[in-house]
Amino acid sequence: MVCVMSEDIFTIVANGAKKLDINLPPTAEAAFRAYYEFLTERGQVINLTAISGMQEIAQLHFLDSIAILKSIDYKNKRIIDIGSGAGFPGVPVKIVEPSVDLTLLEATGKKTKFLSELCGVLNIDATCINARAEDAATRTDRREQYDIAVSRAVARLNILCELCLPFVKTGGTFISMKSVDSTDEATEAQNAINTLGAVIQGHHDYTIPGTDITHRAILLRKIAQTPDKYPRRFARIQKKPL
């Protein structure tokens, strides 16, 4: 890793954004500073992230999140971040591309409360939902209502597909943030992808600036409606993935 200890949080983000060829809006500086301060403060009270320290949060959370802005066009898109946790990648995406209509979905009540408070601190207009993905996806006001669904969850892709694709409208995209060595996962998930009405559109590989870490955003294009019987209950999804 490159030593940047003399820099502050926004300097790291701004320099990294330049390397990613991403333009930051004038409001980004205050927003990323406030995000880091609030995350650090609240992280002492509730378990929000295992990553700590200015450099690590700037690189492994903020820059990793905004890197997916180079994968497809996000402008004026309706987006849902599934399993948002401490707001990644959805909130950094909203900071850099304010035109997105953002929904943050989180199953843990304390994290959902954090997200709601965070949006207030950052003056971000976003919808925060406390629900499990398999439950929220059955609601008519959520099912197949989004241009983009994104998830940085650690579940395997065949499981994530069943949890996330039902939210995506036909013609929309599900973006799964994975490691660069996720080829086997994509192969394993092919039946789930086909069954749920999608195809693999491609992938976007990127190296997080200031590190030697390369990640992959797998892009799944929704070409047909997801059958009504999906998603199943999570225990069933885990026990017998598609």
C-alpha atoms as a PDB file:
ATOM      1  CA  MET A   1       0.000   0.000   0.000  1.00  0.00           C
ATOM      2  CA  VAL A   2       1.081   3.555  -0.693  1.00  0.00           C
ATOM      3  CA  CYS A   3       1.737   5.553   2.466  1.00  0.00           C
ATOM      4  CA  VAL A   4      -0.646   8.515   2.672  1.00  0.00           C
ATOM      5  CA  MET A   5      -0.739   9.079   6.415  1.00  0.00           C
ATOM      6  CA  SER A   6      -0.150  12.832   6.008  1.00  0.00           C
ATOM      7  CA  GLU A   7      -3.291  13.166   3.886  1.00  0.00           C
ATOM      8  CA  ASP A   8      -6.849  13.556   5.113  1.00  0.00           C
ATOM      9  CA  ILE A   9      -9.896  11.504   4.180  1.00  0.00           C
ATOM     10  CA  PHE A  10     -11.031  13.630   1.269  1.00  0.00           C
ATOM     11  CA  THR A  11      -7.551  14.007  -0.218  1.00  0.00           C
ATOM     12  CA  ILE A  12      -7.315  10.216  -0.410  1.00  0.00           C
ATOM     13  CA  VAL A  13     -10.776   9.976  -1.988  1.00  0.00           C
ATOM     14  CA  ALA A  14     -10.156  12.831  -4.437  1.00  0.00           C
ATOM     15  CA  ASN A  15      -6.791  11.467  -5.576  1.00  0.00           C
ATOM     16  CA  GLY A  16      -8.282   8.005  -5.947  1.00  0.00           C
ATOM     17  CA  ALA A  17     -11.258   9.329  -7.910  1.00  0.00           C
ATOM     18  CA  LYS A  18      -8.856  10.965 -10.383  1.00  0.00           C
ATOM     19  CA  LYS A  19      -7.130   7.640 -10.942  1.00  0.00           C
ATOM     20  CA  LEU A  20     -10.547   6.037 -11.524  1.00  0.00           C
ATOM     21  CA  ASP A  21     -11.399   8.862 -13.958  1.00  0.00           C
ATOM     22  CA  ILE A  22     -14.389   9.883 -11.850  1.00  0.00           C
ATOM     23  CA  ASN A  23     -15.368  13.518 -11.445  1.00  0.00           C
ATOM     24  CA  LEU A  24     -16.515  14.497  -7.962  1.00  0.00           C
ATOM     25  CA  PRO A  25     -19.233  17.145  -7.496  1.00  0.00           C
ATOM     26  CA  PRO A  26     -18.475  20.192  -5.304  1.00  0.00           C
ATOM     27  CA  THR A  27     -20.632  18.741  -2.518  1.00  0.00           C
ATOM     28  CA  ALA A  28     -18.539  15.571  -2.260  1.00  0.00           C
ATOM     29  CA  GLU A  29     -15.819  16.988  -0.008  1.00  0.00           C
ATOM     30  CA  ALA A  30     -18.118  17.917   2.877  1.00  0.00           C
ATOM     31  CA  ALA A  31     -20.144  14.727   2.413  1.00  0.00           C
ATOM     32  CA  PHE A  32     -17.212  12.298   2.542  1.00  0.00           C
ATOM     33  CA  ARG A  33     -15.700  14.097   5.531  1.00  0.00           C
ATOM     34  CA  ALA A  34     -19.011  13.958   7.407  1.00  0.00           C
ATOM     35  CA  TYR A  35     -19.533  10.315   6.394  1.00  0.00           C
ATOM     36  CA  TYR A  36     -16.128   9.303   7.760  1.00  0.00           C
ATOM     37  CA  GLU A  37     -16.654  11.185  11.028  1.00  0.00           C
ATOM     38  CA  PHE A  38     -20.144   9.776  11.578  1.00  0.00           C
ATOM     39  CA  LEU A  39     -19.083   6.232  10.653  1.00  0.00           C
ATOM     40  CA  THR A  40     -16.113   6.407  13.023  1.00  0.00           C
ATOM     41  CA  GLU A  41     -18.210   7.828  15.848  1.00  0.00           C
ATOM     42  CA  ARG A  42     -21.111   5.384  15.541  1.00  0.00           C
ATOM     43  CA  GLY A  43     -18.833   2.446  14.837  1.00  0.00           C
ATOM     44  CA  GLN A  44     -17.676   2.655  18.453  1.00  0.00           C
ATOM     45  CA  VAL A  45     -21.237   1.926  19.549  1.00  0.00           C
ATOM     46  CA  ILE A  46     -22.485  -0.634  17.018  1.00  0.00           C
ATOM     47  CA  ASN A  47     -20.633  -3.081  14.779  1.00  0.00           C
ATOM     48  CA  LEU A  48     -20.815  -1.399  11.383  1.00  0.00           C
ATOM     49  CA  THR A  49     -17.628  -2.509   9.645  1.00  0.00           C
ATOM     50  CA  ALA A  50     -14.507  -4.542  10.363  1.00  0.00           C
ATOM     51  CA  ILE A  51     -12.478  -1.992   8.407  1.00  0.00           C
ATOM     52  CA  SER A  52     -11.099   0.929  10.408  1.00  0.00           C
ATOM     53  CA  GLY A  53      -8.641   3.766   9.935  1.00  0.00           C
ATOM     54  CA  MET A  54      -8.752   6.708   7.558  1.00  0.00           C
ATOM     55  CA  GLN A  55      -6.762   5.169   4.720  1.00  0.00           C
ATOM     56  CA  GLU A  56      -8.560   1.827   4.814  1.00  0.00           C
ATOM     57  CA  ILE A  57     -12.042   3.386   4.950  1.00  0.00           C
ATOM     58  CA  ALA A  58     -11.199   5.806   2.138  1.00  0.00           C
ATOM     59  CA  GLN A  59      -9.828   3.074  -0.085  1.00  0.00           C
ATOM     60  CA  LEU A  60     -11.704  -0.119   0.806  1.00  0.00           C
ATOM     61  CA  HIS A  61     -15.105   1.497   1.355  1.00  0.00           C
ATOM     62  CA  PHE A  62     -15.396   4.879  -0.364  1.00  0.00           C
ATOM     63  CA  LEU A  63     -13.247   4.274  -3.443  1.00  0.00           C
ATOM     64  CA  ASP A  64     -14.341   0.662  -3.829  1.00  0.00           C
ATOM     65  CA  SER A  65     -17.956   1.860  -3.808  1.00  0.00           C
ATOM     66  CA  ILE A  66     -17.635   4.676  -6.327  1.00  0.00           C
ATOM     67  CA  ALA A  67     -15.511   2.568  -8.697  1.00  0.00           C
ATOM     68  CA  ILE A  68     -18.685   0.853  -9.918  1.00  0.00           C
ATOM     69  CA  LEU A  69     -19.818   4.172 -11.394  1.00  0.00           C
ATOM     70  CA  LYS A  70     -17.560   3.287 -14.341  1.00  0.00           C
ATOM     71  CA  SER A  71     -19.438   0.029 -15.006  1.00  0.00           C
ATOM     72  CA  ILE A  72     -22.684   1.487 -16.468  1.00  0.00           C
ATOM     73  CA  ASP A  73     -24.572   4.778 -16.629  1.00  0.00           C
ATOM     74  CA  TYR A  74     -26.150   5.642 -13.257  1.00  0.00           C
ATOM     75  CA  LYS A  75     -27.480   9.096 -14.095  1.00  0.00           C
ATOM     76  CA  ASN A  76     -31.143   9.518 -13.078  1.00  0.00           C
ATOM     77  CA  LYS A  77     -31.464   5.786 -12.373  1.00  0.00           C
ATOM     78  CA  ARG A  78     -33.546   4.216  -9.606  1.00  0.00           C
ATOM     79  CA  ILE A  79     -31.168   2.103  -7.511  1.00  0.00           C
ATOM     80  CA  ILE A  80     -31.526  -0.325  -4.613  1.00  0.00           C
ATOM     81  CA  ASP A  81     -28.516  -1.301  -2.485  1.00  0.00           C
ATOM     82  CA  ILE A  82     -29.299  -4.731  -1.024  1.00  0.00           C
ATOM     83  CA  GLY A  83     -27.684  -5.571   2.313  1.00  0.00           C
ATOM     84  CA  SER A  84     -26.383  -2.018   2.561  1.00  0.00           C
ATOM     85  CA  GLY A  85     -24.795  -2.386   6.004  1.00  0.00           C
ATOM     86  CA  ALA A  86     -23.000   0.880   6.717  1.00  0.00           C
ATOM     87  CA  GLY A  87     -24.127   2.299   3.361  1.00  0.00           C
ATOM     88  CA  PHE A  88     -21.761   0.685   0.898  1.00  0.00           C
ATOM     89  CA  PRO A  89     -21.848   1.071  -2.018  1.00  0.00           C
ATOM     90  CA  GLY A  90     -25.128   3.011  -2.199  1.00  0.00           C
ATOM     91  CA  VAL A  91     -24.328   6.132  -0.192  1.00  0.00           C
ATOM     92  CA  PRO A  92     -20.953   6.913  -1.838  1.00  0.00           C
ATOM     93  CA  VAL A  93     -22.607   6.380  -5.232  1.00  0.00           C
ATOM     94  CA  LYS A  94     -25.320   8.890  -4.272  1.00  0.00           C
ATOM     95  CA  ILE A  95     -22.688  11.389  -3.070  1.00  0.00           C
ATOM     96  CA  VAL A  96     -20.871  11.268  -6.397  1.00  0.00           C
ATOM     97  CA  GLU A  97     -23.970  10.924  -8.619  1.00  0.00           C
ATOM     98  CA  PRO A  98     -26.702  12.901  -6.797  1.00  0.00           C
ATOM     99  CA  SER A  99     -29.251  12.277  -9.572  1.00  0.00           C
ATOM    100  CA  VAL A 100     -29.813   8.650  -8.528  1.00  0.00           C
ATOM    101  CA  ASP A 101     -33.011   7.704  -6.687  1.00  0.00           C
ATOM    102  CA  LEU A 102     -31.555   5.573  -3.884  1.00  0.00           C
ATOM    103  CA  THR A 103     -33.100   2.865  -1.706  1.00  0.00           C
ATOM    104  CA  LEU A 104     -31.026   1.259   1.048  1.00  0.00           C
ATOM    105  CA  LEU A 105     -32.251  -2.186   2.127  1.00  0.00           C
ATOM    106  CA  GLU A 106     -30.878  -3.611   5.367  1.00  0.00           C
ATOM    107  CA  ALA A 107     -32.171  -6.501   7.494  1.00  0.00           C
ATOM    108  CA  THR A 108     -30.559  -5.408  10.784  1.00  0.00           C
ATOM    109  CA  GLY A 109     -32.526  -2.798  12.693  1.00  0.00           C
ATOM    110  CA  LYS A 110     -29.533  -1.023  14.244  1.00  0.00           C
ATOM    111  CA  LYS A 111     -27.848  -0.668  10.870  1.00  0.00           C
ATOM    112  CA  THR A 112     -31.047   0.604   9.272  1.00  0.00           C
ATOM    113  CA  LYS A 113     -31.290   3.231  12.016  1.00  0.00           C
ATOM    114  CA  PHE A 114     -27.679   4.211  11.325  1.00  0.00           C
ATOM    115  CA  LEU A 115     -28.426   4.545   7.614  1.00  0.00           C
ATOM    116  CA  SER A 116     -31.433   6.759   8.285  1.00  0.00           C
ATOM    117  CA  GLU A 117     -29.393   8.975  10.615  1.00  0.00           C
ATOM    118  CA  LEU A 118     -26.496   9.041   8.135  1.00  0.00           C
ATOM    119  CA  CYS A 119     -28.744  10.264   5.336  1.00  0.00           C
ATOM    120  CA  GLY A 120     -29.941  13.013   7.650  1.00  0.00           C
ATOM    121  CA  VAL A 121     -26.394  14.046   8.540  1.00  0.00           C
ATOM    122  CA  LEU A 122     -25.384  14.099   4.860  1.00  0.00           C
ATOM    123  CA  ASN A 123     -28.653  15.718   3.755  1.00  0.00           C
ATOM    124  CA  ILE A 124     -29.198  12.839   1.343  1.00  0.00           C
ATOM    125  CA  ASP A 125     -32.662  11.999   0.064  1.00  0.00           C
ATOM    126  CA  ALA A 126     -32.843   8.200   0.239  1.00  0.00           C
ATOM    127  CA  THR A 127     -35.335   5.541   1.315  1.00  0.00           C
ATOM    128  CA  CYS A 128     -34.113   3.275   4.141  1.00  0.00           C
ATOM    129  CA  ILE A 129     -35.943  -0.043   4.519  1.00  0.00           C
ATOM    130  CA  ASN A 130     -35.525  -2.472   7.414  1.00  0.00           C
ATOM    131  CA  ALA A 131     -36.428  -5.835   5.875  1.00  0.00           C
ATOM    132  CA  ARG A 132     -34.992  -9.052   4.557  1.00  0.00           C
ATOM    133  CA  ALA A 133     -34.509  -9.054   0.802  1.00  0.00           C
ATOM    134  CA  GLU A 134     -36.714 -12.110   0.243  1.00  0.00           C
ATOM    135  CA  ASP A 135     -39.577 -10.362   2.051  1.00  0.00           C
ATOM    136  CA  ALA A 136     -39.173  -6.921   0.464  1.00  0.00           C
ATOM    137  CA  ALA A 137     -38.990  -8.460  -3.020  1.00  0.00           C
ATOM    138  CA  THR A 138     -42.595  -9.686  -2.755  1.00  0.00           C
ATOM    139  CA  ARG A 139     -43.970  -6.155  -2.280  1.00  0.00           C
ATOM    140  CA  THR A 140     -45.568  -4.694  -5.386  1.00  0.00           C
ATOM    141  CA  ASP A 141     -43.958  -1.296  -4.736  1.00  0.00           C
ATOM    142  CA  ARG A 142     -40.485  -2.900  -4.718  1.00  0.00           C
ATOM    143  CA  ARG A 143     -40.639  -5.896  -7.030  1.00  0.00           C
ATOM    144  CA  GLU A 144     -39.178  -5.174 -10.483  1.00  0.00           C
ATOM    145  CA  GLN A 145     -39.192  -1.438  -9.779  1.00  0.00           C
ATOM    146  CA  TYR A 146     -35.477  -0.619 -10.047  1.00  0.00           C
ATOM    147  CA  ASP A 147     -33.152   0.175 -12.927  1.00  0.00           C
ATOM    148  CA  ILE A 148     -30.175  -1.081 -10.935  1.00  0.00           C
ATOM    149  CA  ALA A 149     -29.783  -3.395  -7.958  1.00  0.00           C
ATOM    150  CA  VAL A 150     -26.344  -3.584  -6.393  1.00  0.00           C
ATOM    151  CA  SER A 151     -24.946  -5.749  -3.632  1.00  0.00           C
ATOM    152  CA  ARG A 152     -21.556  -6.015  -1.975  1.00  0.00           C
ATOM    153  CA  ALA A 153     -22.741  -8.932   0.164  1.00  0.00           C
ATOM    154  CA  VAL A 154     -20.468 -11.906   0.753  1.00  0.00           C
ATOM    155  CA  ALA A 155     -22.974 -14.588  -0.282  1.00  0.00           C
ATOM    156  CA  ARG A 156     -22.234 -16.620  -3.392  1.00  0.00           C
ATOM    157  CA  LEU A 157     -23.634 -15.304  -6.650  1.00  0.00           C
ATOM    158  CA  ASN A 158     -26.264 -18.026  -7.117  1.00  0.00           C
ATOM    159  CA  ILE A 159     -27.792 -17.023  -3.774  1.00  0.00           C
ATOM    160  CA  LEU A 160     -27.475 -13.277  -4.419  1.00  0.00           C
ATOM    161  CA  CYS A 161     -29.223 -13.636  -7.770  1.00  0.00           C
ATOM    162  CA  GLU A 162     -32.380 -14.986  -6.155  1.00  0.00           C
ATOM    163  CA  LEU A 163     -32.338 -12.246  -3.515  1.00  0.00           C
ATOM    164  CA  CYS A 164     -31.559  -9.345  -5.864  1.00  0.00           C
ATOM    165  CA  LEU A 165     -32.879  -9.982  -9.378  1.00  0.00           C
ATOM    166  CA  PRO A 166     -36.570  -9.840  -8.338  1.00  0.00           C
ATOM    167  CA  PHE A 167     -36.082  -6.116  -7.588  1.00  0.00           C
ATOM    168  CA  VAL A 168     -34.804  -5.326 -11.100  1.00  0.00           C
ATOM    169  CA  LYS A 169     -37.151  -4.274 -13.884  1.00  0.00           C
ATOM    170  CA  THR A 170     -36.866  -5.885 -17.299  1.00  0.00           C
ATOM    171  CA  GLY A 171     -34.046  -4.121 -19.109  1.00  0.00           C
ATOM    172  CA  GLY A 172     -32.346  -3.233 -15.819  1.00  0.00           C
ATOM    173  CA  THR A 173     -29.084  -4.458 -14.311  1.00  0.00           C
ATOM    174  CA  PHE A 174     -27.998  -6.332 -11.196  1.00  0.00           C
ATOM    175  CA  ILE A 175     -24.418  -5.508 -10.201  1.00  0.00           C
ATOM    176  CA  SER A 176     -22.709  -7.974  -7.885  1.00  0.00           C
ATOM    177  CA  MET A 177     -19.442  -6.718  -6.382  1.00  0.00           C
ATOM    178  CA  LYS A 178     -17.001  -9.597  -6.169  1.00  0.00           C
ATOM    179  CA  SER A 179     -13.311 -10.451  -6.137  1.00  0.00           C
ATOM    180  CA  VAL A 180     -11.578 -10.698  -9.483  1.00  0.00           C
ATOM    181  CA  ASP A 181     -11.322 -14.498  -9.118  1.00  0.00           C
ATOM    182  CA  SER A 182     -15.115 -14.987  -9.201  1.00  0.00           C
ATOM    183  CA  THR A 183     -15.276 -16.801 -12.558  1.00  0.00           C
ATOM    184  CA  ASP A 184     -16.257 -20.086 -10.891  1.00  0.00           C
ATOM    185  CA  GLU A 185     -19.082 -18.323  -9.032  1.00  0.00           C
ATOM    186  CA  ALA A 186     -20.460 -16.959 -12.272  1.00  0.00           C
ATOM    187  CA  THR A 187     -20.373 -20.431 -13.829  1.00  0.00           C
ATOM    188  CA  GLU A 188     -22.026 -21.935 -10.757  1.00  0.00           C
ATOM    189  CA  ALA A 189     -24.773 -19.281 -10.874  1.00  0.00           C
ATOM    190  CA  GLN A 190     -25.669 -19.788 -14.544  1.00  0.00           C
ATOM    191  CA  ASN A 191     -28.822 -21.810 -13.808  1.00  0.00           C
ATOM    192  CA  ALA A 192     -30.008 -19.224 -11.277  1.00  0.00           C
ATOM    193  CA  ILE A 193     -29.324 -16.400 -13.735  1.00  0.00           C
ATOM    194  CA  ASN A 194     -31.320 -18.109 -16.497  1.00  0.00           C
ATOM    195  CA  THR A 195     -34.180 -19.167 -14.204  1.00  0.00           C
ATOM    196  CA  LEU A 196     -34.614 -15.676 -12.771  1.00  0.00           C
ATOM    197  CA  GLY A 197     -34.768 -13.943 -16.150  1.00  0.00           C
ATOM    198  CA  ALA A 198     -31.263 -12.570 -16.652  1.00  0.00           C
ATOM    199  CA  VAL A 199     -28.086 -12.977 -18.675  1.00  0.00           C
ATOM    200  CA  ILE A 200     -24.471 -12.112 -17.913  1.00  0.00           C
ATOM    201  CA  GLN A 201     -23.834  -8.820 -19.679  1.00  0.00           C
ATOM    202  CA  GLY A 202     -20.158  -8.683 -18.768  1.00  0.00           C
ATOM    203  CA  HIS A 203     -17.960  -7.484 -15.945  1.00  0.00           C
ATOM    204  CA  HIS A 204     -15.965  -4.435 -14.915  1.00  0.00           C
ATOM    205  CA  ASP A 205     -12.603  -5.047 -13.241  1.00  0.00           C
ATOM    206  CA  TYR A 206     -10.896  -2.251 -11.319  1.00  0.00           C
ATOM    207  CA  THR A 207      -7.934  -1.837  -9.003  1.00  0.00           C
ATOM    208  CA  ILE A 208      -8.669   0.218  -5.889  1.00  0.00           C
ATOM    209  CA  PRO A 209      -6.345   3.256  -6.079  1.00  0.00           C
ATOM    210  CA  GLY A 210      -3.500   3.159  -3.592  1.00  0.00           C
ATOM    211  CA  THR A 211      -3.717  -0.626  -3.237  1.00  0.00           C
ATOM    212  CA  ASP A 212      -2.917  -3.770  -5.192  1.00  0.00           C
ATOM    213  CA  ILE A 213      -6.488  -5.044  -4.714  1.00  0.00           C
ATOM    214  CA  THR A 214      -8.496  -5.748  -7.866  1.00  0.00           C
ATOM    215  CA  HIS A 215     -12.250  -6.241  -7.652  1.00  0.00           C
ATOM    216  CA  ARG A 216     -14.869  -7.211 -10.210  1.00  0.00           C
ATOM    217  CA  ALA A 217     -18.377  -5.882 -10.750  1.00  0.00           C
ATOM    218  CA  ILE A 218     -20.390  -8.642 -12.433  1.00  0.00           C
ATOM    219  CA  LEU A 219     -23.172  -7.181 -14.595  1.00  0.00           C
ATOM    220  CA  LEU A 220     -26.375  -9.172 -15.043  1.00  0.00           C
ATOM    221  CA  ARG A 221     -28.937  -7.842 -17.511  1.00  0.00           C
ATOM    222  CA  LYS A 222     -32.612  -8.542 -16.779  1.00  0.00           C
ATOM    223  CA  ILE A 223     -34.292  -9.726 -19.987  1.00  0.00           C
ATOM    224  CA  ALA A 224     -37.530 -11.201 -18.613  1.00  0.00           C
ATOM    225  CA  GLN A 225     -39.702 -11.017 -15.515  1.00  0.00           C
ATOM    226  CA  THR A 226     -38.671 -13.171 -12.575  1.00  0.00           C
ATOM    227  CA  PRO A 227     -41.207 -15.985 -11.964  1.00  0.00           C
ATOM    228  CA  ASP A 228     -43.567 -15.193  -9.087  1.00  0.00           C
ATOM    229  CA  LYS A 229     -42.349 -18.115  -6.950  1.00  0.00           C
ATOM    230  CA  TYR A 230     -38.952 -16.452  -6.494  1.00  0.00           C
ATOM    231  CA  PRO A 231     -37.407 -15.518  -4.152  1.00  0.00           C
ATOM    232  CA  ARG A 232     -38.069 -18.484  -1.896  1.00  0.00           C
ATOM    233  CA  ARG A 233     -37.597 -18.418   1.861  1.00  0.00           C
ATOM    234  CA  PHE A 234     -33.941 -17.836   2.745  1.00  0.00           C
ATOM    235  CA  ALA A 235     -33.518 -21.190   4.465  1.00  0.00           C
ATOM    236  CA  ARG A 236     -34.658 -22.851   1.248  1.00  0.00           C
ATOM    237  CA  ILE A 237     -32.365 -20.681  -0.883  1.00  0.00           C
ATOM    238  CA  GLN A 238     -29.405 -21.665   1.280  1.00  0.00           C
ATOM    239  CA  LYS A 239     -30.310 -25.338   1.416  1.00  0.00           C
ATOM    240  CA  LYS A 240     -30.976 -25.717  -2.290  1.00  0.00           C
ATOM    241  CA  PRO A 241     -29.577 -22.848  -4.387  1.00  0.00           C
ATOM    242  CA  LEU A 242     -30.821 -22.643  -7.969  1.00  0.00           C
END
